[in-house]
All heavy atoms as atom14 arrays in JSON, in Angstrom:
{
  "sequence": "YQRDVLEYVRAEYRRGRTPNPCVWCNRRVKLGRLLEAARQAGIAF",
  "atom14_mask": [
    [1, 1, 1, 1, 1, 1, 1, 1, 1, 1, 1, 1, 0, 0],
    [1, 1, 1, 1, 1, 1, 1, 1, 1, 0, 0, 0, 0, 0],
    [1, 1, 1, 1, 1, 1, 1, 1, 1, 1, 1, 0, 0, 0],
    [1, 1, 1, 1, 1, 1, 1, 1, 0, 0, 0, 0, 0, 0],
    [1, 1, 1, 1, 1, 1, 1, 0, 0, 0, 0, 0, 0, 0],
    [1, 1, 1, 1, 1, 1, 1, 1, 0, 0, 0, 0, 0, 0],
    [1, 1, 1, 1, 1, 1, 1, 1, 1, 0, 0, 0, 0, 0],
    [1, 1, 1, 1, 1, 1, 1, 1, 1, 1, 1, 1, 0, 0],
    [1, 1, 1, 1, 1, 1, 1, 0, 0, 0, 0, 0, 0, 0],
    [1, 1, 1, 1, 1, 1, 1, 1, 1, 1, 1, 0, 0, 0],
    [1, 1, 1, 1, 1, 0, 0, 0, 0, 0, 0, 0, 0, 0],
    [1, 1, 1, 1, 1, 1, 1, 1, 1, 0, 0, 0, 0, 0],
    [1, 1, 1, 1, 1, 1, 1, 1, 1, 1, 1, 1, 0, 0],
    [1, 1, 1, 1, 1, 1, 1, 1, 1, 1, 1, 0, 0, 0],
    [1, 1, 1, 1, 1, 1, 1, 1, 1, 1, 1, 0, 0, 0],
    [1, 1, 1, 1, 0, 0, 0, 0, 0, 0, 0, 0, 0, 0],
    [1, 1, 1, 1, 1, 1, 1, 1, 1, 1, 1, 0, 0, 0],
    [1, 1, 1, 1, 1, 1, 1, 0, 0, 0, 0, 0, 0, 0],
    [1, 1, 1, 1, 1, 1, 1, 0, 0, 0, 0, 0, 0, 0],
    [1, 1, 1, 1, 1, 1, 1, 1, 0, 0, 0, 0, 0, 0],
    [1, 1, 1, 1, 1, 1, 1, 0, 0, 0, 0, 0, 0, 0],
    [1, 1, 1, 1, 1, 1, 0, 0, 0, 0, 0, 0, 0, 0],
    [1, 1, 1, 1, 1, 1, 1, 0, 0, 0, 0, 0, 0, 0],
    [1, 1, 1, 1, 1, 1, 1, 1, 1, 1, 1, 1, 1, 1],
    [1, 1, 1, 1, 1, 1, 0, 0, 0, 0, 0, 0, 0, 0],
    [1, 1, 1, 1, 1, 1, 1, 1, 0, 0, 0, 0, 0, 0],
    [1, 1, 1, 1, 1, 1, 1, 1, 1, 1, 1, 0, 0, 0],
    [1, 1, 1, 1, 1, 1, 1, 1, 1, 1, 1, 0, 0, 0],
    [1, 1, 1, 1, 1, 1, 1, 0, 0, 0, 0, 0, 0, 0],
    [1, 1, 1, 1, 1, 1, 1, 1, 1, 0, 0, 0, 0, 0],
    [1, 1, 1, 1, 1, 1, 1, 1, 0, 0, 0, 0, 0, 0],
    [1, 1, 1, 1, 0, 0, 0, 0, 0, 0, 0, 0, 0, 0],
    [1, 1, 1, 1, 1, 1, 1, 1, 1, 1, 1, 0, 0, 0],
    [1, 1, 1, 1, 1, 1, 1, 1, 0, 0, 0, 0, 0, 0],
    [1, 1, 1, 1, 1, 1, 1, 1, 0, 0, 0, 0, 0, 0],
    [1, 1, 1, 1, 1, 1, 1, 1, 1, 0, 0, 0, 0, 0],
    [1, 1, 1, 1, 1, 0, 0, 0, 0, 0, 0, 0, 0, 0],
    [1, 1, 1, 1, 1, 0, 0, 0, 0, 0, 0, 0, 0, 0],
    [1, 1, 1, 1, 1, 1, 1, 1, 1, 1, 1, 0, 0, 0],
    [1, 1, 1, 1, 1, 1, 1, 1, 1, 0, 0, 0, 0, 0],
    [1, 1, 1, 1, 1, 0, 0, 0, 0, 0, 0, 0, 0, 0],
    [1, 1, 1, 1, 0, 0, 0, 0, 0, 0, 0, 0, 0, 0],
    [1, 1, 1, 1, 1, 1, 1, 1, 0, 0, 0, 0, 0, 0],
    [1, 1, 1, 1, 1, 0, 0, 0, 0, 0, 0, 0, 0, 0],
    [1, 1, 1, 1, 1, 1, 1, 1, 1, 1, 1, 0, 0, 0]
  ],
  "atom14_positions": [
    [[0.83, -1.2, 0.0], [0.0, 0.0, 0.0], [0.87, 1.25, 0.0], [0.58, 2.23, -0.69], [-0.93, -0.01, 1.21], [-2.04, 0.99, 1.14], [-3.22, 0.69, 0.45], [-1.94, 2.23, 1.76], [-4.26, 1.6, 0.38], [-2.97, 3.15, 1.7], [-4.13, 2.83, 1.0], [-5.15, 3.75, 0.92], [0.0, 0.0, 0.0], [0.0, 0.0, 0.0]],
    [[1.95, 1.19, 0.77], [2.88, 2.32, 0.8], [3.43, 2.6, -0.59], [3.46, 3.75, -1.05], [4.01, 2.01, 1.77], [5.05, 3.1, 1.92], [4.61, 4.23, 2.82], [4.79, 5.39, 2.5], [4.01, 3.9, 3.96], [0.0, 0.0, 0.0], [0.0, 0.0, 0.0], [0.0, 0.0, 0.0], [0.0, 0.0, 0.0], [0.0, 0.0, 0.0]],
    [[3.83, 1.56, -1.29], [4.45, 1.71, -2.61], [3.42, 2.05, -3.69], [3.62, 2.99, -4.47], [5.17, 0.41, -2.99], [5.86, 0.46, -4.35], [6.37, -0.91, -4.77], [5.27, -1.85, -4.97], [5.09, -2.95, -4.22], [5.92, -3.24, -3.24], [4.07, -3.76, -4.47], [0.0, 0.0, 0.0], [0.0, 0.0, 0.0], [0.0, 0.0, 0.0]],
    [[2.32, 1.31, -3.74], [1.4, 1.42, -4.87], [0.34, 2.5, -4.72], [-0.27, 2.9, -5.71], [0.7, 0.07, -5.11], [1.65, -1.0, -5.61], [2.63, -0.63, -6.27], [1.42, -2.19, -5.35], [0.0, 0.0, 0.0], [0.0, 0.0, 0.0], [0.0, 0.0, 0.0], [0.0, 0.0, 0.0], [0.0, 0.0, 0.0], [0.0, 0.0, 0.0]],
    [[0.09, 2.95, -3.5], [-0.94, 3.98, -3.29], [-0.32, 5.26, -2.73], [-0.39, 6.32, -3.36], [-2.07, 3.47, -2.39], [-3.12, 4.57, -2.19], [-2.73, 2.23, -2.99], [0.0, 0.0, 0.0], [0.0, 0.0, 0.0], [0.0, 0.0, 0.0], [0.0, 0.0, 0.0], [0.0, 0.0, 0.0], [0.0, 0.0, 0.0], [0.0, 0.0, 0.0]],
    [[0.3, 5.18, -1.56], [0.8, 6.41, -0.93], [1.91, 7.07, -1.74], [1.9, 8.3, -1.92], [1.29, 6.11, 0.49], [0.25, 5.55, 1.47], [0.84, 5.46, 2.86], [-1.02, 6.39, 1.48], [0.0, 0.0, 0.0], [0.0, 0.0, 0.0], [0.0, 0.0, 0.0], [0.0, 0.0, 0.0], [0.0, 0.0, 0.0], [0.0, 0.0, 0.0]],
    [[2.85, 6.29, -2.25], [3.92, 6.89, -3.05], [3.39, 7.44, -4.37], [3.86, 8.46, -4.86], [5.04, 5.88, -3.3], [5.9, 5.61, -2.07], [6.53, 6.87, -1.5], [6.86, 7.81, -2.27], [6.68, 6.95, -0.26], [0.0, 0.0, 0.0], [0.0, 0.0, 0.0], [0.0, 0.0, 0.0], [0.0, 0.0, 0.0], [0.0, 0.0, 0.0]],
    [[2.41, 6.76, -4.92], [1.75, 7.26, -6.14], [1.08, 8.61, -5.87], [1.21, 9.57, -6.65], [0.74, 6.23, -6.62], [-0.44, 6.76, -7.39], [-0.31, 7.2, -8.71], [-1.7, 6.79, -6.81], [-1.4, 7.68, -9.41], [-2.8, 7.27, -7.51], [-2.65, 7.72, -8.8], [-3.74, 8.19, -9.5], [0.0, 0.0, 0.0], [0.0, 0.0, 0.0]],
    [[0.36, 8.71, -4.75], [-0.3, 9.97, -4.39], [0.73, 11.08, -4.22], [0.58, 12.19, -4.74], [-1.14, 9.79, -3.11], [-1.6, 11.14, -2.57], [-2.35, 8.9, -3.4], [0.0, 0.0, 0.0], [0.0, 0.0, 0.0], [0.0, 0.0, 0.0], [0.0, 0.0, 0.0], [0.0, 0.0, 0.0], [0.0, 0.0, 0.0], [0.0, 0.0, 0.0]],
    [[1.79, 10.79, -3.48], [2.83, 11.81, -3.26], [3.46, 12.25, -4.58], [3.65, 13.45, -4.82], [3.9, 11.25, -2.33], [3.44, 11.0, -0.9], [4.6, 10.55, -0.04], [4.2, 10.23, 1.31], [4.15, 8.99, 1.8], [4.51, 7.96, 1.03], [3.76, 8.76, 3.04], [0.0, 0.0, 0.0], [0.0, 0.0, 0.0], [0.0, 0.0, 0.0]],
    [[3.8, 11.3, -5.42], [4.46, 11.62, -6.69], [3.58, 12.48, -7.58], [4.05, 13.44, -8.21], [4.85, 10.33, -7.42], [0.0, 0.0, 0.0], [0.0, 0.0, 0.0], [0.0, 0.0, 0.0], [0.0, 0.0, 0.0], [0.0, 0.0, 0.0], [0.0, 0.0, 0.0], [0.0, 0.0, 0.0], [0.0, 0.0, 0.0], [0.0, 0.0, 0.0]],
    [[2.29, 12.18, -7.63], [1.39, 12.96, -8.46], [1.23, 14.39, -7.95], [1.27, 15.36, -8.72], [0.02, 12.28, -8.54], [-0.01, 11.03, -9.4], [0.12, 11.35, -10.88], [1.28, 11.48, -11.35], [-0.9, 11.49, -11.56], [0.0, 0.0, 0.0], [0.0, 0.0, 0.0], [0.0, 0.0, 0.0], [0.0, 0.0, 0.0], [0.0, 0.0, 0.0]],
    [[1.05, 14.55, -6.65], [0.93, 15.9, -6.1], [2.2, 16.71, -6.33], [2.14, 17.92, -6.6], [0.6, 15.85, -4.6], [-0.89, 15.82, -4.31], [-1.52, 14.65, -3.89], [-1.65, 16.97, -4.45], [-2.89, 14.63, -3.62], [-3.02, 16.96, -4.18], [-3.62, 15.79, -3.77], [-4.97, 15.77, -3.51], [0.0, 0.0, 0.0], [0.0, 0.0, 0.0]],
    [[3.34, 16.06, -6.21], [4.59, 16.77, -6.44], [4.74, 17.2, -7.89], [5.5, 18.13, -8.2], [5.77, 15.9, -6.01], [5.91, 15.79, -4.5], [6.82, 14.64, -4.09], [6.94, 14.55, -2.64], [7.25, 13.43, -1.99], [7.49, 12.31, -2.68], [7.33, 13.42, -0.67], [0.0, 0.0, 0.0], [0.0, 0.0, 0.0], [0.0, 0.0, 0.0]],
    [[4.06, 16.54, -8.79], [4.07, 16.91, -10.22], [3.01, 17.97, -10.53], [2.82, 18.35, -11.69], [3.81, 15.69, -11.09], [4.91, 14.65, -11.07], [4.49, 13.42, -11.86], [4.25, 13.75, -13.27], [3.61, 12.95, -14.12], [3.11, 11.79, -13.71], [3.44, 13.31, -15.38], [0.0, 0.0, 0.0], [0.0, 0.0, 0.0], [0.0, 0.0, 0.0]],
    [[2.29, 18.43, -9.51], [1.25, 19.41, -9.72], [-0.04, 18.8, -10.23], [-0.87, 19.48, -10.84], [0.0, 0.0, 0.0], [0.0, 0.0, 0.0], [0.0, 0.0, 0.0], [0.0, 0.0, 0.0], [0.0, 0.0, 0.0], [0.0, 0.0, 0.0], [0.0, 0.0, 0.0], [0.0, 0.0, 0.0], [0.0, 0.0, 0.0], [0.0, 0.0, 0.0]],
    [[-0.25, 17.51, -9.97], [-1.45, 16.81, -10.41], [-2.25, 16.36, -9.21], [-1.76, 16.34, -8.07], [-1.05, 15.61, -11.29], [-0.38, 16.02, -12.59], [0.55, 14.94, -13.12], [-0.11, 13.69, -13.43], [-0.48, 13.33, -14.67], [-0.25, 14.13, -15.69], [-1.06, 12.16, -14.88], [0.0, 0.0, 0.0], [0.0, 0.0, 0.0], [0.0, 0.0, 0.0]],
    [[-3.52, 15.97, -9.44], [-4.4, 15.52, -8.36], [-4.8, 14.07, -8.63], [-5.62, 13.81, -9.5], [-5.65, 16.4, -8.25], [-5.25, 17.76, -8.06], [-6.52, 15.96, -7.08], [0.0, 0.0, 0.0], [0.0, 0.0, 0.0], [0.0, 0.0, 0.0], [0.0, 0.0, 0.0], [0.0, 0.0, 0.0], [0.0, 0.0, 0.0], [0.0, 0.0, 0.0]],
    [[-4.23, 13.11, -7.91], [-4.47, 11.7, -8.21], [-5.8, 11.2, -7.65], [-6.46, 11.87, -6.86], [-3.3, 11.01, -7.49], [-3.05, 11.91, -6.31], [-3.28, 13.31, -6.81], [0.0, 0.0, 0.0], [0.0, 0.0, 0.0], [0.0, 0.0, 0.0], [0.0, 0.0, 0.0], [0.0, 0.0, 0.0], [0.0, 0.0, 0.0], [0.0, 0.0, 0.0]],
    [[-6.17, 10.0, -8.08], [-7.33, 9.32, -7.51], [-6.87, 8.02, -6.88], [-6.75, 6.99, -7.55], [-8.39, 9.04, -8.59], [-9.71, 8.62, -7.98], [-9.77, 7.67, -7.21], [-10.77, 9.32, -8.31], [0.0, 0.0, 0.0], [0.0, 0.0, 0.0], [0.0, 0.0, 0.0], [0.0, 0.0, 0.0], [0.0, 0.0, 0.0], [0.0, 0.0, 0.0]],
    [[-6.56, 8.03, -5.59], [-5.99, 6.85, -4.94], [-6.91, 5.64, -4.92], [-6.44, 4.5, -4.95], [-5.68, 7.34, -3.52], [-6.53, 8.54, -3.33], [-6.67, 9.18, -4.67], [0.0, 0.0, 0.0], [0.0, 0.0, 0.0], [0.0, 0.0, 0.0], [0.0, 0.0, 0.0], [0.0, 0.0, 0.0], [0.0, 0.0, 0.0], [0.0, 0.0, 0.0]],
    [[-8.23, 5.86, -4.87], [-9.16, 4.73, -4.78], [-9.15, 3.9, -6.06], [-9.18, 2.67, -6.01], [-10.57, 5.23, -4.49], [-10.72, 6.06, -2.89], [0.0, 0.0, 0.0], [0.0, 0.0, 0.0], [0.0, 0.0, 0.0], [0.0, 0.0, 0.0], [0.0, 0.0, 0.0], [0.0, 0.0, 0.0], [0.0, 0.0, 0.0], [0.0, 0.0, 0.0]],
    [[-9.11, 4.56, -7.22], [-9.08, 3.84, -8.49], [-7.8, 3.02, -8.59], [-7.81, 1.85, -8.97], [-9.18, 4.82, -9.67], [-9.06, 4.07, -11.0], [-10.49, 5.59, -9.63], [0.0, 0.0, 0.0], [0.0, 0.0, 0.0], [0.0, 0.0, 0.0], [0.0, 0.0, 0.0], [0.0, 0.0, 0.0], [0.0, 0.0, 0.0], [0.0, 0.0, 0.0]],
    [[-6.69, 3.63, -8.21], [-5.4, 2.95, -8.31], [-5.3, 1.82, -7.29], [-4.75, 0.75, -7.58], [-4.27, 3.96, -8.12], [-3.01, 3.54, -8.78], [-1.83, 3.27, -8.16], [-2.77, 3.36, -10.18], [-0.86, 2.93, -9.09], [-1.43, 2.97, -10.33], [-3.58, 3.48, -11.3], [-0.86, 2.7, -11.57], [-3.03, 3.2, -12.55], [-1.69, 2.83, -12.68]],
    [[-5.83, 2.01, -6.1], [-5.82, 0.97, -5.07], [-6.62, -0.24, -5.53], [-6.2, -1.39, -5.32], [-6.38, 1.51, -3.76], [-6.47, 0.27, -2.44], [0.0, 0.0, 0.0], [0.0, 0.0, 0.0], [0.0, 0.0, 0.0], [0.0, 0.0, 0.0], [0.0, 0.0, 0.0], [0.0, 0.0, 0.0], [0.0, 0.0, 0.0], [0.0, 0.0, 0.0]],
    [[-7.77, -0.02, -6.15], [-8.57, -1.15, -6.62], [-7.81, -1.99, -7.62], [-7.82, -3.22, -7.55], [-9.88, -0.65, -7.24], [-10.91, -0.3, -6.2], [-10.97, -0.9, -5.14], [-11.73, 0.7, -6.48], [0.0, 0.0, 0.0], [0.0, 0.0, 0.0], [0.0, 0.0, 0.0], [0.0, 0.0, 0.0], [0.0, 0.0, 0.0], [0.0, 0.0, 0.0]],
    [[-7.14, -1.34, -8.56], [-6.41, -2.1, -9.58], [-5.17, -2.79, -9.01], [-4.94, -3.97, -9.27], [-6.02, -1.19, -10.73], [-5.14, -1.92, -11.76], [-4.94, -1.13, -13.01], [-3.95, -1.74, -13.88], [-4.04, -1.79, -15.19], [-5.09, -1.28, -15.8], [-3.09, -2.34, -15.91], [0.0, 0.0, 0.0], [0.0, 0.0, 0.0], [0.0, 0.0, 0.0]],
    [[-4.37, -2.06, -8.27], [-3.07, -2.58, -7.87], [-3.12, -3.4, -6.58], [-2.34, -4.35, -6.43], [-2.08, -1.42, -7.7], [-1.79, -0.64, -8.97], [-1.09, -1.49, -10.01], [0.22, -1.93, -9.56], [1.35, -1.22, -9.72], [1.31, -0.04, -10.33], [2.5, -1.7, -9.3], [0.0, 0.0, 0.0], [0.0, 0.0, 0.0], [0.0, 0.0, 0.0]],
    [[-4.01, -3.04, -5.65], [-3.97, -3.67, -4.34], [-5.18, -4.57, -4.09], [-5.05, -5.79, -3.97], [-3.85, -2.61, -3.22], [-3.69, -3.3, -1.86], [-2.65, -1.7, -3.49], [0.0, 0.0, 0.0], [0.0, 0.0, 0.0], [0.0, 0.0, 0.0], [0.0, 0.0, 0.0], [0.0, 0.0, 0.0], [0.0, 0.0, 0.0], [0.0, 0.0, 0.0]],
    [[-6.39, -4.01, -4.05], [-7.57, -4.81, -3.69], [-7.84, -5.94, -4.68], [-8.17, -7.06, -4.29], [-8.8, -3.9, -3.57], [-8.8, -3.02, -2.35], [-10.06, -2.19, -2.27], [-10.01, -1.24, -1.07], [-11.19, -0.36, -1.03], [0.0, 0.0, 0.0], [0.0, 0.0, 0.0], [0.0, 0.0, 0.0], [0.0, 0.0, 0.0], [0.0, 0.0, 0.0]],
    [[-7.77, -5.65, -5.97], [-8.03, -6.68, -6.98], [-6.75, -7.29, -7.5], [-6.79, -8.13, -8.4], [-8.83, -6.08, -8.15], [-10.16, -5.44, -7.8], [-10.86, -4.93, -9.06], [-11.07, -6.41, -7.06], [0.0, 0.0, 0.0], [0.0, 0.0, 0.0], [0.0, 0.0, 0.0], [0.0, 0.0, 0.0], [0.0, 0.0, 0.0], [0.0, 0.0, 0.0]],
    [[-5.62, -6.85, -6.95], [-4.33, -7.33, -7.41], [-3.57, -8.03, -6.32], [-3.66, -9.24, -6.11], [0.0, 0.0, 0.0], [0.0, 0.0, 0.0], [0.0, 0.0, 0.0], [0.0, 0.0, 0.0], [0.0, 0.0, 0.0], [0.0, 0.0, 0.0], [0.0, 0.0, 0.0], [0.0, 0.0, 0.0], [0.0, 0.0, 0.0], [0.0, 0.0, 0.0]],
    [[-2.78, -7.25, -5.59], [-1.86, -7.83, -4.62], [-2.57, -8.6, -3.51], [-2.05, -9.61, -3.02], [-1.0, -6.72, -4.02], [0.1, -7.22, -3.14], [1.15, -8.02, -3.9], [2.06, -8.69, -2.98], [2.26, -9.99, -2.93], [1.62, -10.79, -3.77], [3.08, -10.52, -2.06], [0.0, 0.0, 0.0], [0.0, 0.0, 0.0], [0.0, 0.0, 0.0]],
    [[-3.75, -8.15, -3.07], [-4.48, -8.86, -2.02], [-4.78, -10.3, -2.43], [-4.56, -11.24, -1.65], [-5.78, -8.12, -1.7], [-6.76, -8.85, -0.76], [-6.12, -9.09, 0.61], [-8.06, -8.06, -0.61], [0.0, 0.0, 0.0], [0.0, 0.0, 0.0], [0.0, 0.0, 0.0], [0.0, 0.0, 0.0], [0.0, 0.0, 0.0], [0.0, 0.0, 0.0]],
    [[-5.28, -10.48, -3.64], [-5.64, -11.82, -4.09], [-4.39, -12.68, -4.33], [-4.38, -13.88, -4.03], [-6.48, -11.73, -5.37], [-7.73, -10.85, -5.28], [-8.63, -11.06, -6.49], [-8.51, -11.13, -3.99], [0.0, 0.0, 0.0], [0.0, 0.0, 0.0], [0.0, 0.0, 0.0], [0.0, 0.0, 0.0], [0.0, 0.0, 0.0], [0.0, 0.0, 0.0]],
    [[-3.34, -12.06, -4.86], [-2.09, -12.79, -5.06], [-1.54, -13.28, -3.72], [-1.15, -14.45, -3.57], [-1.05, -11.89, -5.72], [-1.37, -11.5, -7.15], [-0.39, -10.45, -7.68], [0.55, -10.09, -6.93], [-0.58, -9.99, -8.81], [0.0, 0.0, 0.0], [0.0, 0.0, 0.0], [0.0, 0.0, 0.0], [0.0, 0.0, 0.0], [0.0, 0.0, 0.0]],
    [[-1.49, -12.39, -2.74], [-0.94, -12.74, -1.43], [-1.79, -13.8, -0.74], [-1.26, -14.69, -0.07], [-0.83, -11.48, -0.57], [0.0, 0.0, 0.0], [0.0, 0.0, 0.0], [0.0, 0.0, 0.0], [0.0, 0.0, 0.0], [0.0, 0.0, 0.0], [0.0, 0.0, 0.0], [0.0, 0.0, 0.0], [0.0, 0.0, 0.0], [0.0, 0.0, 0.0]],
    [[-3.11, -13.71, -0.89], [-4.0, -14.69, -0.26], [-3.75, -16.08, -0.84], [-3.63, -17.07, -0.09], [-5.45, -14.28, -0.46], [0.0, 0.0, 0.0], [0.0, 0.0, 0.0], [0.0, 0.0, 0.0], [0.0, 0.0, 0.0], [0.0, 0.0, 0.0], [0.0, 0.0, 0.0], [0.0, 0.0, 0.0], [0.0, 0.0, 0.0], [0.0, 0.0, 0.0]],
    [[-3.64, -16.16, -2.15], [-3.4, -17.47, -2.77], [-2.01, -18.0, -2.43], [-1.83, -19.21, -2.25], [-3.62, -17.36, -4.29], [-5.11, -17.18, -4.65], [-5.36, -17.33, -6.14], [-6.79, -17.49, -6.4], [-7.58, -16.55, -6.95], [-7.05, -15.38, -7.3], [-8.85, -16.79, -7.15], [0.0, 0.0, 0.0], [0.0, 0.0, 0.0], [0.0, 0.0, 0.0]],
    [[-1.04, -17.1, -2.36], [0.3, -17.53, -1.97], [0.32, -18.08, -0.55], [1.15, -18.93, -0.22], [1.28, -16.35, -2.09], [1.6, -15.96, -3.53], [2.34, -14.63, -3.63], [2.6, -13.98, -2.63], [2.67, -14.23, -4.85], [0.0, 0.0, 0.0], [0.0, 0.0, 0.0], [0.0, 0.0, 0.0], [0.0, 0.0, 0.0], [0.0, 0.0, 0.0]],
    [[-0.6, -17.59, 0.27], [-0.7, -18.07, 1.65], [-1.53, -19.35, 1.76], [-1.76, -19.84, 2.87], [-1.31, -16.98, 2.53], [0.0, 0.0, 0.0], [0.0, 0.0, 0.0], [0.0, 0.0, 0.0], [0.0, 0.0, 0.0], [0.0, 0.0, 0.0], [0.0, 0.0, 0.0], [0.0, 0.0, 0.0], [0.0, 0.0, 0.0], [0.0, 0.0, 0.0]],
    [[-1.98, -19.88, 0.62], [-2.74, -21.13, 0.61], [-4.23, -20.97, 0.81], [-4.93, -21.96, 1.06], [0.0, 0.0, 0.0], [0.0, 0.0, 0.0], [0.0, 0.0, 0.0], [0.0, 0.0, 0.0], [0.0, 0.0, 0.0], [0.0, 0.0, 0.0], [0.0, 0.0, 0.0], [0.0, 0.0, 0.0], [0.0, 0.0, 0.0], [0.0, 0.0, 0.0]],
    [[-4.75, -19.76, 0.72], [-6.19, -19.52, 0.86], [-6.84, -19.77, -0.49], [-6.57, -19.08, -1.47], [-6.47, -18.09, 1.34], [-5.73, -17.81, 2.65], [-7.97, -17.86, 1.5], [-5.68, -16.34, 3.03], [0.0, 0.0, 0.0], [0.0, 0.0, 0.0], [0.0, 0.0, 0.0], [0.0, 0.0, 0.0], [0.0, 0.0, 0.0], [0.0, 0.0, 0.0]],
    [[-7.71, -20.78, -0.56], [-8.32, -21.18, -1.83], [-9.69, -20.55, -1.99], [-10.49, -20.51, -1.05], [-8.44, -22.7, -1.89], [0.0, 0.0, 0.0], [0.0, 0.0, 0.0], [0.0, 0.0, 0.0], [0.0, 0.0, 0.0], [0.0, 0.0, 0.0], [0.0, 0.0, 0.0], [0.0, 0.0, 0.0], [0.0, 0.0, 0.0], [0.0, 0.0, 0.0]],
    [[-9.96, -20.03, -3.18], [-11.28, -19.5, -3.51], [-11.41, -19.42, -5.03], [-10.42, -19.39, -5.75], [-11.51, -18.11, -2.88], [-10.44, -17.1, -3.19], [-10.57, -16.23, -4.26], [-9.29, -17.01, -2.39], [-9.58, -15.29, -4.53], [-8.31, -16.08, -2.66], [-8.45, -15.22, -3.73], [0.0, 0.0, 0.0], [0.0, 0.0, 0.0], [0.0, 0.0, 0.0]]
  ]
}
C-alpha cells in the first residue's frame, strides 16, 4: 500500500497533479496484490 498507493499519491501531487488513490488501489492492491498474497498463503477461492 505504501508503494502502490501512498507513493503514487505523493508523486502525483509533487508533479502538480491531483491523483485518484481509490481507483489505483482497486487495480493494484484490492483486486491485485491482495488476491495474489492470499493465494500464496494457501487460501483457496
